[in-house]
Amino acid sequence: MYEELTPNVKRLVIRKIALLMIPANVKDENVVATVAKAIQKPGNLRAIAREAFVWVKKAIDLVRNSPGLNSWKTESDEAIAGEILSRIDRKVPHKKARQK
């Protein structure tokens, strides 16, 4: 998958793992139980992590290889992952920010 995880790639993988483990309809008070249940089965965490790595790699490749005028063709995985995270943050504010 990746020789060495750079900070933004790592953050994007972790975010995808969280999305895979915690469905959107889970209430805040049930998050810990949901995660515990998800990792209880042997090999499940490894499978989820593998799925997240594959998704991140595909997302970065899609950005890099998109047709037309594409300024991302020569950018690093780190730069592309950073832009993806930035766009996610603009669309989905963190819960702490929403509670203020």
PDB file of N, CA and C in Angstrom:
ATOM      1  N   MET A   1       0.828  -1.176   0.000  1.00  0.00           N
ATOM      2  CA  MET A   1       0.000   0.000   0.000  1.00  0.00           C
ATOM      3  C   MET A   1       0.885   1.258   0.000  1.00  0.00           C
ATOM      4  N   TYR A   2       1.424   1.592   1.169  1.00  0.00           N
ATOM      5  CA  TYR A   2       2.270   2.760   1.303  1.00  0.00           C
ATOM      6  C   TYR A   2       3.537   2.347   2.016  1.00  0.00           C
ATOM      7  N   GLU A   3       4.677   2.835   1.490  1.00  0.00           N
ATOM      8  CA  GLU A   3       5.951   2.563   2.142  1.00  0.00           C
ATOM      9  C   GLU A   3       5.972   3.229   3.514  1.00  0.00           C
ATOM     10  N   GLU A   4       5.657   4.528   3.519  1.00  0.00           N
ATOM     11  CA  GLU A   4       5.635   5.290   4.756  1.00  0.00           C
ATOM     12  C   GLU A   4       4.412   6.206   4.712  1.00  0.00           C
ATOM     13  N   LEU A   5       3.654   6.188   5.769  1.00  0.00           N
ATOM     14  CA  LEU A   5       2.466   7.039   5.813  1.00  0.00           C
ATOM     15  C   LEU A   5       2.867   8.458   6.190  1.00  0.00           C
ATOM     16  N   THR A   6       2.523   9.388   5.322  1.00  0.00           N
ATOM     17  CA  THR A   6       2.761  10.798   5.616  1.00  0.00           C
ATOM     18  C   THR A   6       1.594  11.292   6.475  1.00  0.00           C
ATOM     19  N   PRO A   7       1.743  12.424   7.139  1.00  0.00           N
ATOM     20  CA  PRO A   7       0.700  12.871   8.070  1.00  0.00           C
ATOM     21  C   PRO A   7      -0.707  12.994   7.465  1.00  0.00           C
ATOM     22  N   ASN A   8      -0.844  13.627   6.312  1.00  0.00           N
ATOM     23  CA  ASN A   8      -2.181  13.794   5.736  1.00  0.00           C
ATOM     24  C   ASN A   8      -2.766  12.481   5.234  1.00  0.00           C
ATOM     25  N   VAL A   9      -1.934  11.637   4.658  1.00  0.00           N
ATOM     26  CA  VAL A   9      -2.418  10.328   4.209  1.00  0.00           C
ATOM     27  C   VAL A   9      -2.891   9.526   5.420  1.00  0.00           C
ATOM     28  N   LYS A  10      -2.119   9.573   6.506  1.00  0.00           N
ATOM     29  CA  LYS A  10      -2.485   8.863   7.734  1.00  0.00           C
ATOM     30  C   LYS A  10      -3.821   9.386   8.285  1.00  0.00           C
ATOM     31  N   ARG A  11      -3.979  10.713   8.306  1.00  0.00           N
ATOM     32  CA  ARG A  11      -5.230  11.303   8.804  1.00  0.00           C
ATOM     33  C   ARG A  11      -6.416  10.887   7.940  1.00  0.00           C
ATOM     34  N   LEU A  12      -6.212  10.823   6.623  1.00  0.00           N
ATOM     35  CA  LEU A  12      -7.296  10.433   5.725  1.00  0.00           C
ATOM     36  C   LEU A  12      -7.661   8.959   5.926  1.00  0.00           C
ATOM     37  N   VAL A  13      -6.669   8.114   6.112  1.00  0.00           N
ATOM     38  CA  VAL A  13      -6.926   6.690   6.386  1.00  0.00           C
ATOM     39  C   VAL A  13      -7.699   6.546   7.699  1.00  0.00           C
ATOM     40  N   ILE A  14      -7.286   7.262   8.731  1.00  0.00           N
ATOM     41  CA  ILE A  14      -7.963   7.182  10.030  1.00  0.00           C
ATOM     42  C   ILE A  14      -9.408   7.654   9.917  1.00  0.00           C
ATOM     43  N   ARG A  15      -9.618   8.726   9.167  1.00  0.00           N
ATOM     44  CA  ARG A  15     -10.995   9.206   8.974  1.00  0.00           C
ATOM     45  C   ARG A  15     -11.857   8.166   8.278  1.00  0.00           C
ATOM     46  N   LYS A  16     -11.284   7.515   7.272  1.00  0.00           N
ATOM     47  CA  LYS A  16     -12.049   6.488   6.545  1.00  0.00           C
ATOM     48  C   LYS A  16     -12.324   5.288   7.455  1.00  0.00           C
ATOM     49  N   ILE A  17     -11.356   4.895   8.269  1.00  0.00           N
ATOM     50  CA  ILE A  17     -11.581   3.802   9.224  1.00  0.00           C
ATOM     51  C   ILE A  17     -12.734   4.161  10.151  1.00  0.00           C
ATOM     52  N   ALA A  18     -12.743   5.381  10.653  1.00  0.00           N
ATOM     53  CA  ALA A  18     -13.825   5.815  11.544  1.00  0.00           C
ATOM     54  C   ALA A  18     -15.171   5.741  10.842  1.00  0.00           C
ATOM     55  N   LEU A  19     -15.227   6.180   9.588  1.00  0.00           N
ATOM     56  CA  LEU A  19     -16.489   6.118   8.836  1.00  0.00           C
ATOM     57  C   LEU A  19     -16.949   4.684   8.620  1.00  0.00           C
ATOM     58  N   LEU A  20     -15.998   3.794   8.390  1.00  0.00           N
ATOM     59  CA  LEU A  20     -16.350   2.387   8.178  1.00  0.00           C
ATOM     60  C   LEU A  20     -16.810   1.713   9.472  1.00  0.00           C
ATOM     61  N   MET A  21     -16.239   2.136  10.592  1.00  0.00           N
ATOM     62  CA  MET A  21     -16.563   1.502  11.870  1.00  0.00           C
ATOM     63  C   MET A  21     -17.791   2.096  12.548  1.00  0.00           C
ATOM     64  N   ILE A  22     -18.051   3.378  12.297  1.00  0.00           N
ATOM     65  CA  ILE A  22     -19.134   4.069  13.002  1.00  0.00           C
ATOM     66  C   ILE A  22     -20.129   4.621  11.973  1.00  0.00           C
ATOM     67  N   PRO A  23     -21.220   3.924  11.747  1.00  0.00           N
ATOM     68  CA  PRO A  23     -22.224   4.421  10.800  1.00  0.00           C
ATOM     69  C   PRO A  23     -22.759   5.789  11.228  1.00  0.00           C
ATOM     70  N   ALA A  24     -23.208   6.564  10.266  1.00  0.00           N
ATOM     71  CA  ALA A  24     -23.663   7.936  10.517  1.00  0.00           C
ATOM     72  C   ALA A  24     -24.833   8.007  11.497  1.00  0.00           C
ATOM     73  N   ASN A  25     -25.635   6.962  11.566  1.00  0.00           N
ATOM     74  CA  ASN A  25     -26.831   7.007  12.421  1.00  0.00           C
ATOM     75  C   ASN A  25     -26.550   6.631  13.881  1.00  0.00           C
ATOM     76  N   VAL A  26     -25.297   6.364  14.241  1.00  0.00           N
ATOM     77  CA  VAL A  26     -24.956   6.002  15.616  1.00  0.00           C
ATOM     78  C   VAL A  26     -24.899   7.263  16.474  1.00  0.00           C
ATOM     79  N   LYS A  27     -25.612   7.240  17.584  1.00  0.00           N
ATOM     80  CA  LYS A  27     -25.618   8.388  18.497  1.00  0.00           C
ATOM     81  C   LYS A  27     -24.297   8.443  19.264  1.00  0.00           C
ATOM     82  N   ASP A  28     -23.923   9.648  19.688  1.00  0.00           N
ATOM     83  CA  ASP A  28     -22.652   9.855  20.370  1.00  0.00           C
ATOM     84  C   ASP A  28     -22.436   8.896  21.540  1.00  0.00           C
ATOM     85  N   GLU A  29     -23.492   8.648  22.319  1.00  0.00           N
ATOM     86  CA  GLU A  29     -23.335   7.791  23.501  1.00  0.00           C
ATOM     87  C   GLU A  29     -23.122   6.317  23.143  1.00  0.00           C
ATOM     88  N   ASN A  30     -23.344   5.949  21.888  1.00  0.00           N
ATOM     89  CA  ASN A  30     -23.187   4.552  21.464  1.00  0.00           C
ATOM     90  C   ASN A  30     -21.915   4.301  20.656  1.00  0.00           C
ATOM     91  N   VAL A  31     -21.094   5.321  20.488  1.00  0.00           N
ATOM     92  CA  VAL A  31     -19.913   5.190  19.638  1.00  0.00           C
ATOM     93  C   VAL A  31     -18.944   4.145  20.185  1.00  0.00           C
ATOM     94  N   VAL A  32     -18.639   4.191  21.456  1.00  0.00           N
ATOM     95  CA  VAL A  32     -17.669   3.254  22.036  1.00  0.00           C
ATOM     96  C   VAL A  32     -18.153   1.819  21.883  1.00  0.00           C
ATOM     97  N   ALA A  33     -19.414   1.570  22.159  1.00  0.00           N
ATOM     98  CA  ALA A  33     -19.965   0.220  22.020  1.00  0.00           C
ATOM     99  C   ALA A  33     -19.929  -0.231  20.568  1.00  0.00           C
ATOM    100  N   THR A  34     -20.197   0.675  19.652  1.00  0.00           N
ATOM    101  CA  THR A  34     -20.180   0.340  18.226  1.00  0.00           C
ATOM    102  C   THR A  34     -18.779  -0.035  17.772  1.00  0.00           C
ATOM    103  N   VAL A  35     -17.786   0.735  18.197  1.00  0.00           N
ATOM    104  CA  VAL A  35     -16.399   0.440  17.838  1.00  0.00           C
ATOM    105  C   VAL A  35     -15.961  -0.875  18.473  1.00  0.00           C
ATOM    106  N   ALA A  36     -16.296  -1.084  19.740  1.00  0.00           N
ATOM    107  CA  ALA A  36     -15.932  -2.333  20.420  1.00  0.00           C
ATOM    108  C   ALA A  36     -16.516  -3.530  19.690  1.00  0.00           C
ATOM    109  N   LYS A  37     -17.757  -3.413  19.270  1.00  0.00           N
ATOM    110  CA  LYS A  37     -18.398  -4.501  18.539  1.00  0.00           C
ATOM    111  C   LYS A  37     -17.714  -4.734  17.194  1.00  0.00           C
ATOM    112  N   ALA A  38     -17.322  -3.655  16.531  1.00  0.00           N
ATOM    113  CA  ALA A  38     -16.689  -3.768  15.220  1.00  0.00           C
ATOM    114  C   ALA A  38     -15.329  -4.458  15.295  1.00  0.00           C
ATOM    115  N   ILE A  39     -14.582  -4.217  16.363  1.00  0.00           N
ATOM    116  CA  ILE A  39     -13.241  -4.811  16.449  1.00  0.00           C
ATOM    117  C   ILE A  39     -13.221  -6.128  17.216  1.00  0.00           C
ATOM    118  N   GLN A  40     -14.364  -6.562  17.719  1.00  0.00           N
ATOM    119  CA  GLN A  40     -14.436  -7.787  18.505  1.00  0.00           C
ATOM    120  C   GLN A  40     -14.125  -9.029  17.666  1.00  0.00           C
ATOM    121  N   LYS A  41     -14.595  -9.032  16.447  1.00  0.00           N
ATOM    122  CA  LYS A  41     -14.379 -10.200  15.584  1.00  0.00           C
ATOM    123  C   LYS A  41     -12.912 -10.253  15.164  1.00  0.00           C
ATOM    124  N   PRO A  42     -12.284 -11.425  15.268  1.00  0.00           N
ATOM    125  CA  PRO A  42     -10.881 -11.541  14.862  1.00  0.00           C
ATOM    126  C   PRO A  42     -10.696 -11.158  13.391  1.00  0.00           C
ATOM    127  N   GLY A  43      -9.709 -10.326  13.137  1.00  0.00           N
ATOM    128  CA  GLY A  43      -9.395  -9.934  11.769  1.00  0.00           C
ATOM    129  C   GLY A  43     -10.240  -8.800  11.218  1.00  0.00           C
ATOM    130  N   ASN A  44     -11.277  -8.393  11.943  1.00  0.00           N
ATOM    131  CA  ASN A  44     -12.165  -7.350  11.428  1.00  0.00           C
ATOM    132  C   ASN A  44     -11.469  -5.998  11.330  1.00  0.00           C
ATOM    133  N   LEU A  45     -10.702  -5.633  12.338  1.00  0.00           N
ATOM    134  CA  LEU A  45      -9.995  -4.355  12.298  1.00  0.00           C
ATOM    135  C   LEU A  45      -9.006  -4.329  11.141  1.00  0.00           C
ATOM    136  N   ARG A  46      -8.319  -5.425  10.942  1.00  0.00           N
ATOM    137  CA  ARG A  46      -7.359  -5.517   9.829  1.00  0.00           C
ATOM    138  C   ARG A  46      -8.077  -5.351   8.492  1.00  0.00           C
ATOM    139  N   ALA A  47      -9.239  -5.983   8.349  1.00  0.00           N
ATOM    140  CA  ALA A  47     -10.013  -5.873   7.110  1.00  0.00           C
ATOM    141  C   ALA A  47     -10.507  -4.446   6.891  1.00  0.00           C
ATOM    142  N   ILE A  48     -10.961  -3.809   7.963  1.00  0.00           N
ATOM    143  CA  ILE A  48     -11.431  -2.427   7.862  1.00  0.00           C
ATOM    144  C   ILE A  48     -10.271  -1.503   7.487  1.00  0.00           C
ATOM    145  N   ALA A  49      -9.129  -1.693   8.114  1.00  0.00           N
ATOM    146  CA  ALA A  49      -7.962  -0.867   7.809  1.00  0.00           C
ATOM    147  C   ALA A  49      -7.530  -1.070   6.359  1.00  0.00           C
ATOM    148  N   ARG A  50      -7.525  -2.301   5.904  1.00  0.00           N
ATOM    149  CA  ARG A  50      -7.157  -2.596   4.514  1.00  0.00           C
ATOM    150  C   ARG A  50      -8.116  -1.898   3.555  1.00  0.00           C
ATOM    151  N   GLU A  51      -9.417  -1.971   3.849  1.00  0.00           N
ATOM    152  CA  GLU A  51     -10.425  -1.310   3.014  1.00  0.00           C
ATOM    153  C   GLU A  51     -10.197   0.206   2.985  1.00  0.00           C
ATOM    154  N   ALA A  52      -9.841   0.781   4.129  1.00  0.00           N
ATOM    155  CA  ALA A  52      -9.580   2.221   4.200  1.00  0.00           C
ATOM    156  C   ALA A  52      -8.347   2.593   3.376  1.00  0.00           C
ATOM    157  N   PHE A  53      -7.274   1.808   3.487  1.00  0.00           N
ATOM    158  CA  PHE A  53      -6.069   2.072   2.701  1.00  0.00           C
ATOM    159  C   PHE A  53      -6.369   2.016   1.207  1.00  0.00           C
ATOM    160  N   VAL A  54      -7.116   1.017   0.783  1.00  0.00           N
ATOM    161  CA  VAL A  54      -7.463   0.871  -0.637  1.00  0.00           C
ATOM    162  C   VAL A  54      -8.289   2.075  -1.091  1.00  0.00           C
ATOM    163  N   TRP A  55      -9.261   2.491  -0.273  1.00  0.00           N
ATOM    164  CA  TRP A  55     -10.106   3.632  -0.625  1.00  0.00           C
ATOM    165  C   TRP A  55      -9.264   4.899  -0.776  1.00  0.00           C
ATOM    166  N   VAL A  56      -8.358   5.140   0.167  1.00  0.00           N
ATOM    167  CA  VAL A  56      -7.521   6.338   0.118  1.00  0.00           C
ATOM    168  C   VAL A  56      -6.642   6.322  -1.127  1.00  0.00           C
ATOM    169  N   LYS A  57      -6.037   5.194  -1.405  1.00  0.00           N
ATOM    170  CA  LYS A  57      -5.177   5.082  -2.601  1.00  0.00           C
ATOM    171  C   LYS A  57      -5.985   5.352  -3.865  1.00  0.00           C
ATOM    172  N   LYS A  58      -7.187   4.783  -3.960  1.00  0.00           N
ATOM    173  CA  LYS A  58      -8.037   5.012  -5.128  1.00  0.00           C
ATOM    174  C   LYS A  58      -8.451   6.474  -5.235  1.00  0.00           C
ATOM    175  N   ALA A  59      -8.817   7.094  -4.106  1.00  0.00           N
ATOM    176  CA  ALA A  59      -9.229   8.496  -4.114  1.00  0.00           C
ATOM    177  C   ALA A  59      -8.091   9.390  -4.602  1.00  0.00           C
ATOM    178  N   ILE A  60      -6.895   9.147  -4.108  1.00  0.00           N
ATOM    179  CA  ILE A  60      -5.732   9.943  -4.526  1.00  0.00           C
ATOM    180  C   ILE A  60      -5.444   9.723  -6.002  1.00  0.00           C
ATOM    181  N   ASP A  61      -5.496   8.479  -6.449  1.00  0.00           N
ATOM    182  CA  ASP A  61      -5.261   8.179  -7.866  1.00  0.00           C
ATOM    183  C   ASP A  61      -6.316   8.823  -8.760  1.00  0.00           C
ATOM    184  N   LEU A  62      -7.570   8.834  -8.310  1.00  0.00           N
ATOM    185  CA  LEU A  62      -8.638   9.473  -9.094  1.00  0.00           C
ATOM    186  C   LEU A  62      -8.383  10.969  -9.245  1.00  0.00           C
ATOM    187  N   VAL A  63      -7.972  11.619  -8.174  1.00  0.00           N
ATOM    188  CA  VAL A  63      -7.673  13.051  -8.241  1.00  0.00           C
ATOM    189  C   VAL A  63      -6.502  13.291  -9.183  1.00  0.00           C
ATOM    190  N   ARG A  64      -5.453  12.519  -9.011  1.00  0.00           N
ATOM    191  CA  ARG A  64      -4.242  12.709  -9.815  1.00  0.00           C
ATOM    192  C   ARG A  64      -4.499  12.442 -11.300  1.00  0.00           C
ATOM    193  N   ASN A  65      -5.332  11.473 -11.606  1.00  0.00           N
ATOM    194  CA  ASN A  65      -5.530  11.059 -12.994  1.00  0.00           C
ATOM    195  C   ASN A  65      -6.810  11.587 -13.625  1.00  0.00           C
ATOM    196  N   SER A  66      -7.464  12.540 -12.983  1.00  0.00           N
ATOM    197  CA  SER A  66      -8.690  13.075 -13.572  1.00  0.00           C
ATOM    198  C   SER A  66      -8.336  13.833 -14.857  1.00  0.00           C
ATOM    199  N   PRO A  67      -9.241  13.748 -15.842  1.00  0.00           N
ATOM    200  CA  PRO A  67      -8.947  14.338 -17.151  1.00  0.00           C
ATOM    201  C   PRO A  67      -9.040  15.862 -17.145  1.00  0.00           C
ATOM    202  N   GLY A  68      -8.591  16.441 -18.241  1.00  0.00           N
ATOM    203  CA  GLY A  68      -8.696  17.882 -18.409  1.00  0.00           C
ATOM    204  C   GLY A  68      -7.565  18.630 -17.742  1.00  0.00           C
ATOM    205  N   LEU A  69      -7.817  19.898 -17.475  1.00  0.00           N
ATOM    206  CA  LEU A  69      -6.810  20.725 -16.814  1.00  0.00           C
ATOM    207  C   LEU A  69      -6.737  20.301 -15.347  1.00  0.00           C
ATOM    208  N   ASN A  70      -5.737  19.562 -15.032  1.00  0.00           N
ATOM    209  CA  ASN A  70      -5.620  18.979 -13.699  1.00  0.00           C
ATOM    210  C   ASN A  70      -4.278  19.379 -13.090  1.00  0.00           C
ATOM    211  N   SER A  71      -4.316  20.290 -12.140  1.00  0.00           N
ATOM    212  CA  SER A  71      -3.077  20.748 -11.509  1.00  0.00           C
ATOM    213  C   SER A  71      -2.533  19.742 -10.488  1.00  0.00           C
ATOM    214  N   TRP A  72      -3.244  18.657 -10.245  1.00  0.00           N
ATOM    215  CA  TRP A  72      -2.829  17.671  -9.236  1.00  0.00           C
ATOM    216  C   TRP A  72      -1.998  16.528  -9.826  1.00  0.00           C
ATOM    217  N   LYS A  73      -1.820  16.494 -11.137  1.00  0.00           N
ATOM    218  CA  LYS A  73      -1.121  15.377 -11.790  1.00  0.00           C
ATOM    219  C   LYS A  73       0.282  15.135 -11.235  1.00  0.00           C
ATOM    220  N   THR A  74       0.967  16.197 -10.868  1.00  0.00           N
ATOM    221  CA  THR A  74       2.351  16.054 -10.410  1.00  0.00           C
ATOM    222  C   THR A  74       2.504  16.208  -8.900  1.00  0.00           C
ATOM    223  N   GLU A  75       1.397  16.350  -8.203  1.00  0.00           N
ATOM    224  CA  GLU A  75       1.458  16.542  -6.756  1.00  0.00           C
ATOM    225  C   GLU A  75       1.673  15.218  -6.019  1.00  0.00           C
ATOM    226  N   SER A  76       2.183  15.326  -4.820  1.00  0.00           N
ATOM    227  CA  SER A  76       2.428  14.144  -3.975  1.00  0.00           C
ATOM    228  C   SER A  76       1.123  13.622  -3.379  1.00  0.00           C
ATOM    229  N   ASP A  77       1.166  12.381  -2.928  1.00  0.00           N
ATOM    230  CA  ASP A  77       0.018  11.816  -2.214  1.00  0.00           C
ATOM    231  C   ASP A  77      -0.325  12.668  -1.000  1.00  0.00           C
ATOM    232  N   GLU A  78       0.707  13.175  -0.318  1.00  0.00           N
ATOM    233  CA  GLU A  78       0.523  14.000   0.878  1.00  0.00           C
ATOM    234  C   GLU A  78      -0.259  15.267   0.554  1.00  0.00           C
ATOM    235  N   ALA A  79       0.099  15.940  -0.546  1.00  0.00           N
ATOM    236  CA  ALA A  79      -0.579  17.181  -0.931  1.00  0.00           C
ATOM    237  C   ALA A  79      -2.031  16.905  -1.317  1.00  0.00           C
ATOM    238  N   ILE A  80      -2.254  15.835  -2.061  1.00  0.00           N
ATOM    239  CA  ILE A  80      -3.618  15.499  -2.485  1.00  0.00           C
ATOM    240  C   ILE A  80      -4.468  15.111  -1.284  1.00  0.00           C
ATOM    241  N   ALA A  81      -3.918  14.298  -0.387  1.00  0.00           N
ATOM    242  CA  ALA A  81      -4.658  13.909   0.824  1.00  0.00           C
ATOM    243  C   ALA A  81      -4.976  15.148   1.663  1.00  0.00           C
ATOM    244  N   GLY A  82      -4.051  16.086   1.740  1.00  0.00           N
ATOM    245  CA  GLY A  82      -4.292  17.324   2.477  1.00  0.00           C
ATOM    246  C   GLY A  82      -5.441  18.115   1.889  1.00  0.00           C
ATOM    247  N   GLU A  83      -5.509  18.177   0.572  1.00  0.00           N
ATOM    248  CA  GLU A  83      -6.608  18.901  -0.076  1.00  0.00           C
ATOM    249  C   GLU A  83      -7.937  18.186   0.144  1.00  0.00           C
ATOM    250  N   ILE A  84      -7.935  16.863   0.072  1.00  0.00           N
ATOM    251  CA  ILE A  84      -9.168  16.097   0.335  1.00  0.00           C
ATOM    252  C   ILE A  84      -9.648  16.377   1.759  1.00  0.00           C
ATOM    253  N   LEU A  85      -8.730  16.322   2.722  1.00  0.00           N
ATOM    254  CA  LEU A  85      -9.092  16.608   4.119  1.00  0.00           C
ATOM    255  C   LEU A  85      -9.626  18.024   4.286  1.00  0.00           C
ATOM    256  N   SER A  86      -8.993  18.961   3.623  1.00  0.00           N
ATOM    257  CA  SER A  86      -9.434  20.352   3.692  1.00  0.00           C
ATOM    258  C   SER A  86     -10.863  20.502   3.171  1.00  0.00           C
ATOM    259  N   ARG A  87     -11.150  19.853   2.077  1.00  0.00           N
ATOM    260  CA  ARG A  87     -12.499  19.937   1.511  1.00  0.00           C
ATOM    261  C   ARG A  87     -13.524  19.223   2.388  1.00  0.00           C
ATOM    262  N   ILE A  88     -13.128  18.121   3.006  1.00  0.00           N
ATOM    263  CA  ILE A  88     -14.029  17.435   3.946  1.00  0.00           C
ATOM    264  C   ILE A  88     -14.330  18.365   5.120  1.00  0.00           C
ATOM    265  N   ASP A  89     -13.293  18.989   5.661  1.00  0.00           N
ATOM    266  CA  ASP A  89     -13.473  19.880   6.811  1.00  0.00           C
ATOM    267  C   ASP A  89     -14.377  21.061   6.483  1.00  0.00           C
ATOM    268  N   ARG A  90     -14.300  21.555   5.261  1.00  0.00           N
ATOM    269  CA  ARG A  90     -15.174  22.665   4.869  1.00  0.00           C
ATOM    270  C   ARG A  90     -16.626  22.230   4.758  1.00  0.00           C
ATOM    271  N   LYS A  91     -16.844  20.982   4.334  1.00  0.00           N
ATOM    272  CA  LYS A  91     -18.213  20.488   4.154  1.00  0.00           C
ATOM    273  C   LYS A  91     -18.816  19.945   5.439  1.00  0.00           C
ATOM    274  N   VAL A  92     -17.999  19.300   6.265  1.00  0.00           N
ATOM    275  CA  VAL A  92     -18.495  18.636   7.479  1.00  0.00           C
ATOM    276  C   VAL A  92     -17.729  19.178   8.681  1.00  0.00           C
ATOM    277  N   PRO A  93     -18.234  20.230   9.310  1.00  0.00           N
ATOM    278  CA  PRO A  93     -17.524  20.771  10.473  1.00  0.00           C
ATOM    279  C   PRO A  93     -17.480  19.756  11.614  1.00  0.00           C
ATOM    280  N   HIS A  94     -16.423  19.822  12.398  1.00  0.00           N
ATOM    281  CA  HIS A  94     -16.281  18.916  13.536  1.00  0.00           C
ATOM    282  C   HIS A  94     -17.362  19.187  14.567  1.00  0.00           C
ATOM    283  N   LYS A  95     -17.728  18.171  15.310  1.00  0.00           N
ATOM    284  CA  LYS A  95     -18.796  18.310  16.325  1.00  0.00           C
ATOM    285  C   LYS A  95     -18.463  19.388  17.335  1.00  0.00           C
ATOM    286  N   LYS A  96     -17.220  19.500  17.770  1.00  0.00           N
ATOM    287  CA  LYS A  96     -16.848  20.512  18.759  1.00  0.00           C
ATOM    288  C   LYS A  96     -17.130  21.905  18.220  1.00  0.00           C
ATOM    289  N   ALA A  97     -16.832  22.114  16.953  1.00  0.00           N
ATOM    290  CA  ALA A  97     -17.083  23.423  16.344  1.00  0.00           C
ATOM    291  C   ALA A  97     -18.580  23.701  16.246  1.00  0.00           C
ATOM    292  N   ARG A  98     -19.362  22.665  15.996  1.00  0.00           N
ATOM    293  CA  ARG A  98     -20.805  22.840  15.867  1.00  0.00           C
ATOM    294  C   ARG A  98     -21.456  23.122  17.213  1.00  0.00           C
ATOM    295  N   GLN A  99     -20.857  22.659  18.310  1.00  0.00           N
ATOM    296  CA  GLN A  99     -21.453  22.825  19.634  1.00  0.00           C
ATOM    297  C   GLN A  99     -21.257  24.226  20.186  1.00  0.00           C
ATOM    298  N   LYS A 100     -20.368  25.004  19.630  1.00  0.00           N
ATOM    299  CA  LYS A 100     -20.078  26.358  20.126  1.00  0.00           C
ATOM    300  C   LYS A 100     -21.213  27.308  19.846  1.00  0.00           C
TER     301      LYS A 100
END
